[in-house]
Amino acid sequence: MRTLAAAAILLGMLAAPASAEPPPSRARLQGWRDRFESHLRGNLLAFWLKHDLDGARGGFHGALDRAGTPDLKADRSLVLNARLLWTFSAASRMFSDPAYRDAAKRAFDYLDKFRDRKHKGGYFWSVDAGGKVKDDHKYIYGQSFVVYGMIEYWLMSGEQNLQKRVFSIFHQFDLPAHDRVNGGYMESFKRDWQPELVIDPIGPPDQKSANTHLHLLESLTSLVRATGHRQVRERLAELRSLFISKMVAPGGYTREYFKPDWTPTKDESSYGHDVELAWLLPEATEALGLPGNDPDTLRISKALVDHALAFGFDRVRGGFFDRGPSNGMASDRSKNWWAQAEGLVGLLEVYKRTNDPAYFDAFERTAEFVFRDLVDPEYGEWYEGFKADGTLLNTNKASFWKCPYHNARACLEVIKRLDVLIARAK
């Protein structure tokens, strides 16, 4: 309770009281909407269409430097490819641009390079630059992104045969990974779906992570929305309950790692994951047929954003730091690109549901940080982030993990929420 009280006090420092701050005008909201759409289409997606398509070997290059020059020897990750599939499918659904549709089809076709057709299905973690399997682990984090991207491509393309394939992917990982005793999923598996107890790119291989379960929440939300499938709906309801009862601590932050029985093993806050959950949880709630502002959901979404603003927000330049202790100021004051992207959506989501101007003020300050500091003014796209001393983490634009998923998705989701706010603005 003391942590929540401190968060409330510090949140109040971010903006004037509600009575003194009028809601943003329609023109102000429209200005932000236009800026995000222009940035998404003219900068982010344009950069990837120009630089990352591999015309010789298919798919997308695994790494790009600051100017967009590809590393022709770089391995290609399942996460990168599946996220590109989602990004260009979602962009095509919103804007009906043939170039986006073609890029989505390219990602969909290349995904077969990762597919295991011999050992009970699933998708391998990486291939080399020539498309040969490099890492044959089957991590649930990666399987979830395949489902997420495949659903969006199915909705974009209308290819009804994909519904069966998506369900097949879900069942292929649900059967060996779902914990029928404690709920949730074990996360690390070898080629033959036997548990991996040594290696895991997300965290300790014998534990459960909020990170993987956060991305399962988003993929299963999409699958329930698209199909209403009973078993998937049950799994989504279970995940929502686990976040509310086990993963989110009373202080308003998400614990990161757990034993299989959900005993926490690390009590630290990742501000980016907290603000991401703040908008994914209402989406999951609504997919289950409940209002997105039902008491449990709104309480937790608001608490997650309040905690991140109180302890992890840069009040000088805007944006969110990386992480910190559960009840103290940020200990890692670096700022990565994906946390800013998720922060934009999380802040706008909570503002949309509360009308508290403090959240819109923080949204604008985060957006200003992004456009002023994070966007590369010479070559386009976003830098990966900044160290605590303000110097760049690096200048790479694409890597095993970095692609336009977080920032392009943020633009798409911000546009959707601004459209709602514009419609109800005076």
Protein backbone atom coordinates (compact mmCIF):
# COMPACT_ATOMS: atom_id res chain seq x y z
CA MET A 1 0.00 0.00 0.00
CA ARG A 2 2.87 2.39 0.75
CA THR A 3 4.21 1.74 -2.77
CA LEU A 4 0.85 2.61 -4.33
CA ALA A 5 0.57 5.75 -2.19
CA ALA A 6 4.04 6.88 -3.29
CA ALA A 7 3.11 6.18 -6.90
CA ALA A 8 0.00 8.29 -6.60
CA ILE A 9 1.95 11.20 -5.13
CA LEU A 10 4.61 11.06 -7.82
CA LEU A 11 2.03 10.66 -10.58
CA GLY A 12 0.43 13.87 -9.38
CA MET A 13 3.72 15.64 -10.07
CA LEU A 14 3.51 14.81 -13.78
CA ALA A 15 0.55 17.02 -14.60
CA ALA A 16 -1.79 19.62 -13.17
CA PRO A 17 -4.91 18.44 -11.35
CA ALA A 18 -7.77 17.30 -13.57
CA SER A 19 -9.87 20.36 -12.75
CA ALA A 20 -7.10 22.69 -13.96
CA GLU A 21 -6.30 20.84 -17.19
CA PRO A 22 -8.88 20.79 -19.99
CA PRO A 23 -9.08 17.68 -22.16
CA PRO A 24 -7.08 17.82 -25.40
CA SER A 25 -8.95 19.47 -28.25
CA ARG A 26 -10.04 17.64 -31.36
CA ALA A 27 -7.38 19.54 -33.34
CA ARG A 28 -4.63 18.50 -30.89
CA LEU A 29 -5.70 14.86 -31.06
CA GLN A 30 -5.92 14.99 -34.85
CA GLY A 31 -2.45 16.49 -35.03
CA TRP A 32 -0.99 13.57 -33.13
CA ARG A 33 -2.95 11.09 -35.21
CA ASP A 34 -1.68 12.59 -38.46
CA ARG A 35 1.88 12.61 -37.16
CA PHE A 36 1.79 8.96 -36.15
CA GLU A 37 0.29 7.83 -39.45
CA SER A 38 2.80 9.86 -41.44
CA HIS A 39 5.67 8.46 -39.38
CA LEU A 40 4.43 4.89 -39.69
CA ARG A 41 3.98 4.94 -43.44
CA GLY A 42 6.60 7.44 -44.57
CA ASN A 43 9.38 6.43 -42.19
CA LEU A 44 9.11 3.04 -40.45
CA LEU A 45 7.47 0.83 -43.05
CA ALA A 46 9.18 2.65 -45.92
CA PHE A 47 12.58 1.95 -44.32
CA TRP A 48 11.90 -1.80 -44.13
CA LEU A 49 10.49 -2.04 -47.63
CA LYS A 50 13.52 -0.22 -49.01
CA HIS A 51 16.28 -2.00 -47.10
CA ASP A 52 15.31 -5.39 -45.70
CA LEU A 53 13.78 -7.42 -48.53
CA ASP A 54 16.24 -10.11 -49.62
CA GLY A 55 15.65 -10.40 -53.36
CA ALA A 56 18.21 -13.16 -53.83
CA ARG A 57 17.36 -15.63 -51.05
CA GLY A 58 13.83 -14.68 -50.07
CA GLY A 59 12.50 -13.37 -46.81
CA PHE A 60 14.16 -10.56 -44.92
CA HIS A 61 17.76 -9.88 -43.96
CA GLY A 62 18.64 -10.79 -40.38
CA ALA A 63 20.49 -7.57 -39.57
CA LEU A 64 20.75 -4.00 -40.86
CA ASP A 65 23.16 -1.25 -39.86
CA ARG A 66 22.15 2.34 -39.25
CA ALA A 67 21.88 3.22 -42.94
CA GLY A 68 19.99 0.02 -43.74
CA THR A 69 22.91 -1.90 -45.23
CA PRO A 70 22.27 -5.61 -44.65
CA ASP A 71 24.62 -8.06 -43.00
CA LEU A 72 24.44 -10.84 -45.58
CA LYS A 73 25.80 -13.42 -43.10
CA ALA A 74 23.47 -12.69 -40.21
CA ASP A 75 21.27 -15.47 -38.84
CA ARG A 76 17.53 -14.95 -39.08
CA SER A 77 15.34 -15.39 -36.05
CA LEU A 78 11.86 -16.86 -35.89
CA VAL A 79 10.80 -13.86 -33.81
CA LEU A 80 11.99 -11.38 -36.45
CA ASN A 81 10.17 -13.17 -39.27
CA ALA A 82 6.92 -13.76 -37.35
CA ARG A 83 6.85 -10.17 -36.15
CA LEU A 84 7.36 -8.90 -39.70
CA LEU A 85 4.47 -11.13 -40.76
CA TRP A 86 2.25 -9.52 -38.12
CA THR A 87 3.43 -5.98 -38.87
CA PHE A 88 2.86 -5.94 -42.60
CA SER A 89 -0.39 -7.92 -42.32
CA ALA A 90 -1.74 -5.44 -39.77
CA ALA A 91 -0.57 -2.46 -41.84
CA SER A 92 -2.22 -3.93 -44.93
CA ARG A 93 -5.49 -4.37 -43.03
CA MET A 94 -5.48 -0.71 -41.98
CA PHE A 95 -4.23 0.91 -45.18
CA SER A 96 -4.87 -1.58 -48.02
CA ASP A 97 -1.45 -0.91 -49.55
CA PRO A 98 -0.33 -3.63 -52.03
CA ALA A 99 3.29 -3.19 -50.94
CA TYR A 100 2.37 -4.12 -47.38
CA ARG A 101 0.39 -7.12 -48.58
CA ASP A 102 3.33 -8.30 -50.69
CA ALA A 103 5.72 -7.95 -47.74
CA ALA A 104 3.33 -9.93 -45.53
CA LYS A 105 3.17 -12.68 -48.17
CA ARG A 106 6.99 -12.72 -48.30
CA ALA A 107 7.17 -13.20 -44.52
CA PHE A 108 4.45 -15.87 -44.62
CA ASP A 109 6.25 -17.85 -47.33
CA TYR A 110 9.63 -17.61 -45.60
CA LEU A 111 8.18 -18.85 -42.32
CA ASP A 112 8.26 -22.37 -43.81
CA LYS A 113 12.07 -22.28 -43.44
CA PHE A 114 11.55 -22.48 -39.65
CA ARG A 115 8.85 -25.14 -39.74
CA ASP A 116 9.53 -28.62 -38.38
CA ARG A 117 7.66 -31.13 -40.53
CA LYS A 118 9.22 -34.21 -38.91
CA HIS A 119 9.14 -33.96 -35.10
CA LYS A 120 5.54 -33.27 -34.07
CA GLY A 121 5.47 -29.86 -35.69
CA GLY A 122 6.39 -26.49 -34.26
CA TYR A 123 8.89 -23.88 -35.40
CA PHE A 124 12.63 -23.68 -34.84
CA TRP A 125 14.26 -20.68 -33.17
CA SER A 126 16.55 -19.58 -36.01
CA VAL A 127 17.95 -20.29 -39.46
CA ASP A 128 21.19 -19.11 -41.01
CA ALA A 129 21.40 -16.52 -43.76
CA GLY A 130 20.81 -19.21 -46.37
CA GLY A 131 17.69 -20.56 -44.69
CA LYS A 132 19.14 -23.70 -43.06
CA VAL A 133 18.11 -24.48 -39.49
CA LYS A 134 20.62 -23.00 -37.05
CA ASP A 135 18.97 -23.37 -33.62
CA ASP A 136 16.39 -26.15 -33.47
CA HIS A 137 14.93 -25.31 -30.07
CA LYS A 138 11.19 -24.74 -29.85
CA TYR A 139 10.64 -21.94 -27.39
CA ILE A 140 7.03 -21.07 -26.58
CA TYR A 141 7.88 -17.39 -26.97
CA GLY A 142 8.56 -18.04 -30.66
CA GLN A 143 5.58 -20.34 -31.18
CA SER A 144 3.31 -17.63 -29.79
CA PHE A 145 4.58 -15.10 -32.30
CA VAL A 146 3.95 -17.53 -35.15
CA VAL A 147 0.32 -17.79 -34.03
CA TYR A 148 0.08 -14.01 -33.64
CA GLY A 149 1.50 -13.30 -37.08
CA MET A 150 -0.43 -16.12 -38.77
CA ILE A 151 -3.78 -14.91 -37.40
CA GLU A 152 -3.17 -11.39 -38.67
CA TYR A 153 -2.14 -12.74 -42.08
CA TRP A 154 -5.25 -14.92 -42.20
CA LEU A 155 -7.47 -11.93 -41.39
CA MET A 156 -5.67 -9.85 -44.02
CA SER A 157 -5.67 -12.46 -46.79
CA GLY A 158 -8.99 -14.18 -46.16
CA GLU A 159 -7.40 -17.59 -46.86
CA GLN A 160 -9.75 -19.84 -44.89
CA ASN A 161 -7.41 -22.85 -44.96
CA LEU A 162 -5.15 -20.90 -42.60
CA GLN A 163 -7.61 -21.27 -39.73
CA LYS A 164 -6.90 -24.99 -39.55
CA ARG A 165 -3.16 -24.34 -39.70
CA VAL A 166 -3.29 -21.80 -36.86
CA PHE A 167 -5.18 -24.23 -34.63
CA SER A 168 -2.65 -26.93 -35.51
CA ILE A 169 0.22 -24.68 -34.36
CA PHE A 170 -1.63 -23.88 -31.13
CA HIS A 171 -2.28 -27.54 -30.34
CA GLN A 172 1.30 -28.51 -31.23
CA PHE A 173 2.71 -26.35 -28.44
CA ASP A 174 -0.22 -26.47 -26.03
CA LEU A 175 -0.07 -30.24 -25.62
CA PRO A 176 3.54 -30.48 -24.37
CA ALA A 177 3.81 -27.04 -22.75
CA HIS A 178 0.58 -26.32 -20.90
CA ASP A 179 0.86 -26.87 -17.14
CA ARG A 180 -2.34 -28.67 -16.26
CA VAL A 181 -1.60 -28.52 -12.53
CA ASN A 182 -0.52 -24.91 -11.96
CA GLY A 183 -1.72 -23.19 -15.12
CA GLY A 184 0.30 -21.29 -17.66
CA TYR A 185 3.06 -22.77 -19.79
CA MET A 186 6.52 -24.22 -19.46
CA GLU A 187 8.62 -22.44 -22.03
CA SER A 188 11.74 -24.26 -23.23
CA PHE A 189 11.77 -27.35 -25.45
CA LYS A 190 14.13 -29.27 -27.69
CA ARG A 191 13.45 -30.32 -31.28
CA ASP A 192 11.44 -33.37 -30.14
CA TRP A 193 9.39 -31.34 -27.62
CA GLN A 194 11.31 -32.73 -24.66
CA PRO A 195 11.95 -30.09 -21.96
CA GLU A 196 15.12 -28.01 -22.31
CA LEU A 197 16.67 -27.51 -18.88
CA VAL A 198 19.90 -25.69 -19.80
CA ILE A 199 19.31 -23.02 -22.47
CA ASP A 200 16.57 -20.39 -22.75
CA PRO A 201 16.90 -16.94 -24.38
CA ILE A 202 14.14 -15.46 -22.19
CA GLY A 203 15.12 -16.58 -18.68
CA PRO A 204 15.85 -19.60 -16.48
CA PRO A 205 14.73 -22.63 -18.56
CA ASP A 206 13.04 -24.38 -15.63
CA GLN A 207 10.93 -21.35 -14.74
CA LYS A 208 7.98 -19.41 -16.15
CA SER A 209 8.39 -15.83 -17.31
CA ALA A 210 5.95 -12.94 -17.41
CA ASN A 211 7.55 -12.02 -20.74
CA THR A 212 6.51 -15.21 -22.56
CA HIS A 213 3.09 -15.22 -20.92
CA LEU A 214 2.57 -11.59 -21.93
CA HIS A 215 3.05 -12.56 -25.58
CA LEU A 216 0.85 -15.63 -25.17
CA LEU A 217 -1.80 -13.23 -23.85
CA GLU A 218 -1.63 -11.17 -27.06
CA SER A 219 -1.62 -14.13 -29.46
CA LEU A 220 -4.45 -16.00 -27.73
CA THR A 221 -6.45 -12.76 -27.52
CA SER A 222 -6.22 -12.48 -31.30
CA LEU A 223 -7.14 -16.13 -31.77
CA VAL A 224 -10.19 -15.85 -29.50
CA ARG A 225 -11.31 -12.68 -31.29
CA ALA A 226 -11.00 -14.36 -34.66
CA THR A 227 -12.56 -17.73 -33.82
CA GLY A 228 -14.09 -17.89 -30.34
CA HIS A 229 -12.53 -21.37 -30.03
CA ARG A 230 -13.53 -22.93 -26.68
CA GLN A 231 -10.16 -24.36 -25.63
CA VAL A 232 -8.25 -21.23 -26.63
CA ARG A 233 -10.81 -19.16 -24.74
CA GLU A 234 -10.21 -21.29 -21.65
CA ARG A 235 -6.45 -20.79 -21.94
CA LEU A 236 -6.87 -17.03 -22.38
CA ALA A 237 -9.14 -16.82 -19.33
CA GLU A 238 -6.52 -18.76 -17.38
CA LEU A 239 -3.74 -16.39 -18.47
CA ARG A 240 -5.80 -13.35 -17.53
CA SER A 241 -6.47 -14.82 -14.11
CA LEU A 242 -2.79 -15.64 -13.60
CA PHE A 243 -1.72 -12.10 -14.40
CA ILE A 244 -4.31 -10.69 -12.01
CA SER A 245 -3.72 -13.14 -9.15
CA LYS A 246 -0.08 -14.26 -9.51
CA MET A 247 2.09 -12.20 -11.81
CA VAL A 248 1.11 -8.61 -10.99
CA ALA A 249 2.28 -7.74 -7.48
CA PRO A 250 0.14 -5.67 -5.09
CA GLY A 251 2.54 -2.77 -5.61
CA GLY A 252 1.52 -2.39 -9.24
CA TYR A 253 4.35 -4.08 -11.15
CA THR A 254 4.79 -7.43 -12.89
CA ARG A 255 7.11 -9.95 -11.31
CA GLU A 256 9.38 -11.38 -13.99
CA TYR A 257 10.17 -15.03 -13.15
CA PHE A 258 8.40 -17.83 -11.28
CA LYS A 259 8.80 -21.44 -10.25
CA PRO A 260 6.31 -23.77 -11.97
CA ASP A 261 3.89 -23.30 -9.04
CA TRP A 262 4.03 -19.48 -9.54
CA THR A 263 6.25 -18.75 -6.57
CA PRO A 264 8.12 -15.57 -7.62
CA THR A 265 11.88 -15.85 -7.99
CA LYS A 266 12.70 -12.27 -9.05
CA ASP A 267 11.11 -9.17 -7.56
CA GLU A 268 12.02 -6.41 -9.99
CA SER A 269 10.06 -4.19 -12.34
CA SER A 270 10.48 -4.05 -16.12
CA TYR A 271 8.68 -0.81 -16.92
CA GLY A 272 8.27 -1.68 -20.59
CA HIS A 273 6.51 -4.95 -19.83
CA ASP A 274 4.33 -3.24 -17.22
CA VAL A 275 3.03 -0.57 -19.59
CA GLU A 276 2.60 -3.20 -22.31
CA LEU A 277 0.44 -5.35 -20.03
CA ALA A 278 -1.56 -2.22 -19.14
CA TRP A 279 -3.13 -2.25 -22.61
CA LEU A 280 -2.97 -5.97 -23.45
CA LEU A 281 -4.96 -6.92 -20.35
CA PRO A 282 -8.04 -4.85 -21.34
CA GLU A 283 -7.80 -6.31 -24.85
CA ALA A 284 -7.83 -9.85 -23.45
CA THR A 285 -10.67 -8.97 -21.09
CA GLU A 286 -12.81 -7.66 -23.93
CA ALA A 287 -12.03 -10.72 -26.08
CA LEU A 288 -13.49 -12.81 -23.26
CA GLY A 289 -16.73 -10.81 -23.42
CA LEU A 290 -16.12 -8.61 -20.37
CA PRO A 291 -15.86 -4.81 -20.46
CA GLY A 292 -12.27 -3.61 -20.76
CA ASN A 293 -12.79 -1.30 -17.79
CA ASP A 294 -14.19 -3.96 -15.46
CA PRO A 295 -12.96 -3.28 -11.89
CA ASP A 296 -10.11 -5.82 -11.78
CA THR A 297 -8.79 -4.93 -15.23
CA LEU A 298 -8.94 -1.16 -14.81
CA ARG A 299 -7.42 -1.34 -11.33
CA ILE A 300 -4.46 -3.35 -12.55
CA SER A 301 -3.91 -1.43 -15.79
CA LYS A 302 -3.93 1.85 -13.91
CA ALA A 303 -1.65 0.52 -11.16
CA LEU A 304 0.89 -0.74 -13.70
CA VAL A 305 1.08 2.61 -15.47
CA ASP A 306 1.10 4.55 -12.17
CA HIS A 307 4.02 2.48 -10.87
CA ALA A 308 6.00 2.92 -14.10
CA LEU A 309 5.36 6.66 -14.12
CA ALA A 310 6.28 7.04 -10.47
CA PHE A 311 9.54 5.09 -10.53
CA GLY A 312 10.59 4.60 -14.15
CA PHE A 313 9.64 7.76 -16.05
CA ASP A 314 12.19 10.34 -17.17
CA ARG A 315 10.69 13.62 -16.03
CA VAL A 316 13.39 15.63 -17.80
CA ARG A 317 13.37 14.22 -21.34
CA GLY A 318 10.32 11.96 -21.32
CA GLY A 319 10.13 8.22 -21.89
CA PHE A 320 10.64 5.18 -19.70
CA PHE A 321 13.81 3.76 -18.19
CA ASP A 322 14.49 0.03 -18.42
CA ARG A 323 13.96 -1.42 -14.96
CA GLY A 324 14.24 -0.97 -11.22
CA PRO A 325 13.44 -2.40 -7.79
CA SER A 326 9.84 -3.06 -6.86
CA ASN A 327 9.53 -0.06 -4.54
CA GLY A 328 12.25 2.38 -5.57
CA MET A 329 13.48 4.54 -8.38
CA ALA A 330 14.89 3.02 -11.58
CA SER A 331 18.23 1.27 -11.11
CA ASP A 332 18.84 0.75 -14.84
CA ARG A 333 18.30 4.14 -16.45
CA SER A 334 18.97 3.02 -20.01
CA LYS A 335 16.03 3.55 -22.38
CA ASN A 336 15.25 0.94 -25.03
CA TRP A 337 13.07 1.48 -28.10
CA TRP A 338 10.39 -1.10 -27.36
CA ALA A 339 9.52 0.24 -23.90
CA GLN A 340 8.80 3.67 -25.39
CA ALA A 341 6.57 2.08 -28.04
CA GLU A 342 4.58 0.13 -25.46
CA GLY A 343 4.47 3.15 -23.18
CA LEU A 344 2.75 5.22 -25.84
CA VAL A 345 -0.08 2.70 -26.12
CA GLY A 346 -0.34 1.96 -22.39
CA LEU A 347 -0.56 5.63 -21.47
CA LEU A 348 -3.16 6.37 -24.12
CA GLU A 349 -5.19 3.30 -23.13
CA VAL A 350 -5.40 4.38 -19.49
CA TYR A 351 -6.17 7.97 -20.48
CA LYS A 352 -8.98 6.73 -22.74
CA ARG A 353 -10.53 4.86 -19.80
CA THR A 354 -9.98 7.43 -17.03
CA ASN A 355 -9.89 10.86 -18.74
CA ASP A 356 -7.13 11.81 -16.31
CA PRO A 357 -4.96 14.44 -18.09
CA ALA A 358 -1.83 13.23 -16.30
CA TYR A 359 -1.78 10.21 -18.59
CA PHE A 360 -2.21 12.23 -21.76
CA ASP A 361 0.55 14.58 -20.61
CA ALA A 362 2.87 11.60 -20.11
CA PHE A 363 1.84 10.25 -23.53
CA GLU A 364 2.79 13.55 -25.19
CA ARG A 365 6.08 13.73 -23.35
CA THR A 366 6.94 10.17 -24.39
CA ALA A 367 5.95 10.90 -28.00
CA GLU A 368 8.11 14.02 -27.97
CA PHE A 369 11.07 11.99 -26.70
CA VAL A 370 10.53 9.43 -29.46
CA PHE A 371 10.31 11.93 -32.31
CA ARG A 372 13.07 14.18 -30.95
CA ASP A 373 15.64 11.62 -29.78
CA LEU A 374 14.78 8.07 -30.80
CA VAL A 375 13.95 8.51 -34.49
CA ASP A 376 17.07 8.65 -36.67
CA PRO A 377 16.75 12.00 -38.51
CA GLU A 378 19.17 11.01 -41.28
CA TYR A 379 18.32 7.42 -42.22
CA GLY A 380 14.97 6.81 -40.58
CA GLU A 381 13.63 4.11 -38.23
CA TRP A 382 14.33 4.17 -34.47
CA TYR A 383 17.61 3.73 -32.69
CA GLU A 384 17.69 0.77 -30.35
CA GLY A 385 17.92 3.11 -27.38
CA PHE A 386 20.21 5.03 -25.07
CA LYS A 387 22.55 4.14 -22.25
CA ALA A 388 22.14 5.79 -18.87
CA ASP A 389 24.70 8.43 -19.88
CA GLY A 390 22.65 9.40 -22.94
CA THR A 391 24.86 7.78 -25.57
CA LEU A 392 23.38 5.35 -28.09
CA LEU A 393 23.17 1.67 -27.18
CA ASN A 394 24.16 0.96 -30.80
CA THR A 395 23.12 2.11 -34.27
CA ASN A 396 21.72 -1.15 -35.66
CA LYS A 397 18.23 -0.93 -37.14
CA ALA A 398 17.55 -4.66 -37.39
CA SER A 399 18.84 -7.60 -35.40
CA PHE A 400 17.80 -10.96 -34.00
CA TRP A 401 15.24 -9.10 -31.84
CA LYS A 402 14.77 -5.66 -33.40
CA CYS A 403 12.26 -5.08 -36.17
CA PRO A 404 9.30 -2.73 -36.74
CA TYR A 405 6.91 -4.78 -34.61
CA HIS A 406 6.94 -2.74 -31.38
CA ASN A 407 7.15 0.71 -32.94
CA ALA A 408 4.91 0.05 -35.97
CA ARG A 409 2.35 -1.68 -33.76
CA ALA A 410 2.48 1.28 -31.38
CA CYS A 411 1.66 3.62 -34.27
CA LEU A 412 -1.26 1.41 -35.34
CA GLU A 413 -2.62 1.13 -31.80
CA VAL A 414 -2.14 4.83 -31.06
CA ILE A 415 -4.05 5.71 -34.24
CA LYS A 416 -6.94 3.45 -33.19
CA ARG A 417 -7.15 5.02 -29.74
CA LEU A 418 -6.82 8.55 -31.05
CA ASP A 419 -9.69 7.84 -33.44
CA VAL A 420 -11.86 6.96 -30.42
CA LEU A 421 -10.77 10.10 -28.58
CA ILE A 422 -11.34 12.29 -31.63
CA ALA A 423 -14.84 10.90 -32.07
CA ARG A 424 -15.79 11.83 -28.52
CA ALA A 425 -13.90 15.17 -28.37
CA LYS A 426 -15.82 18.43 -28.42
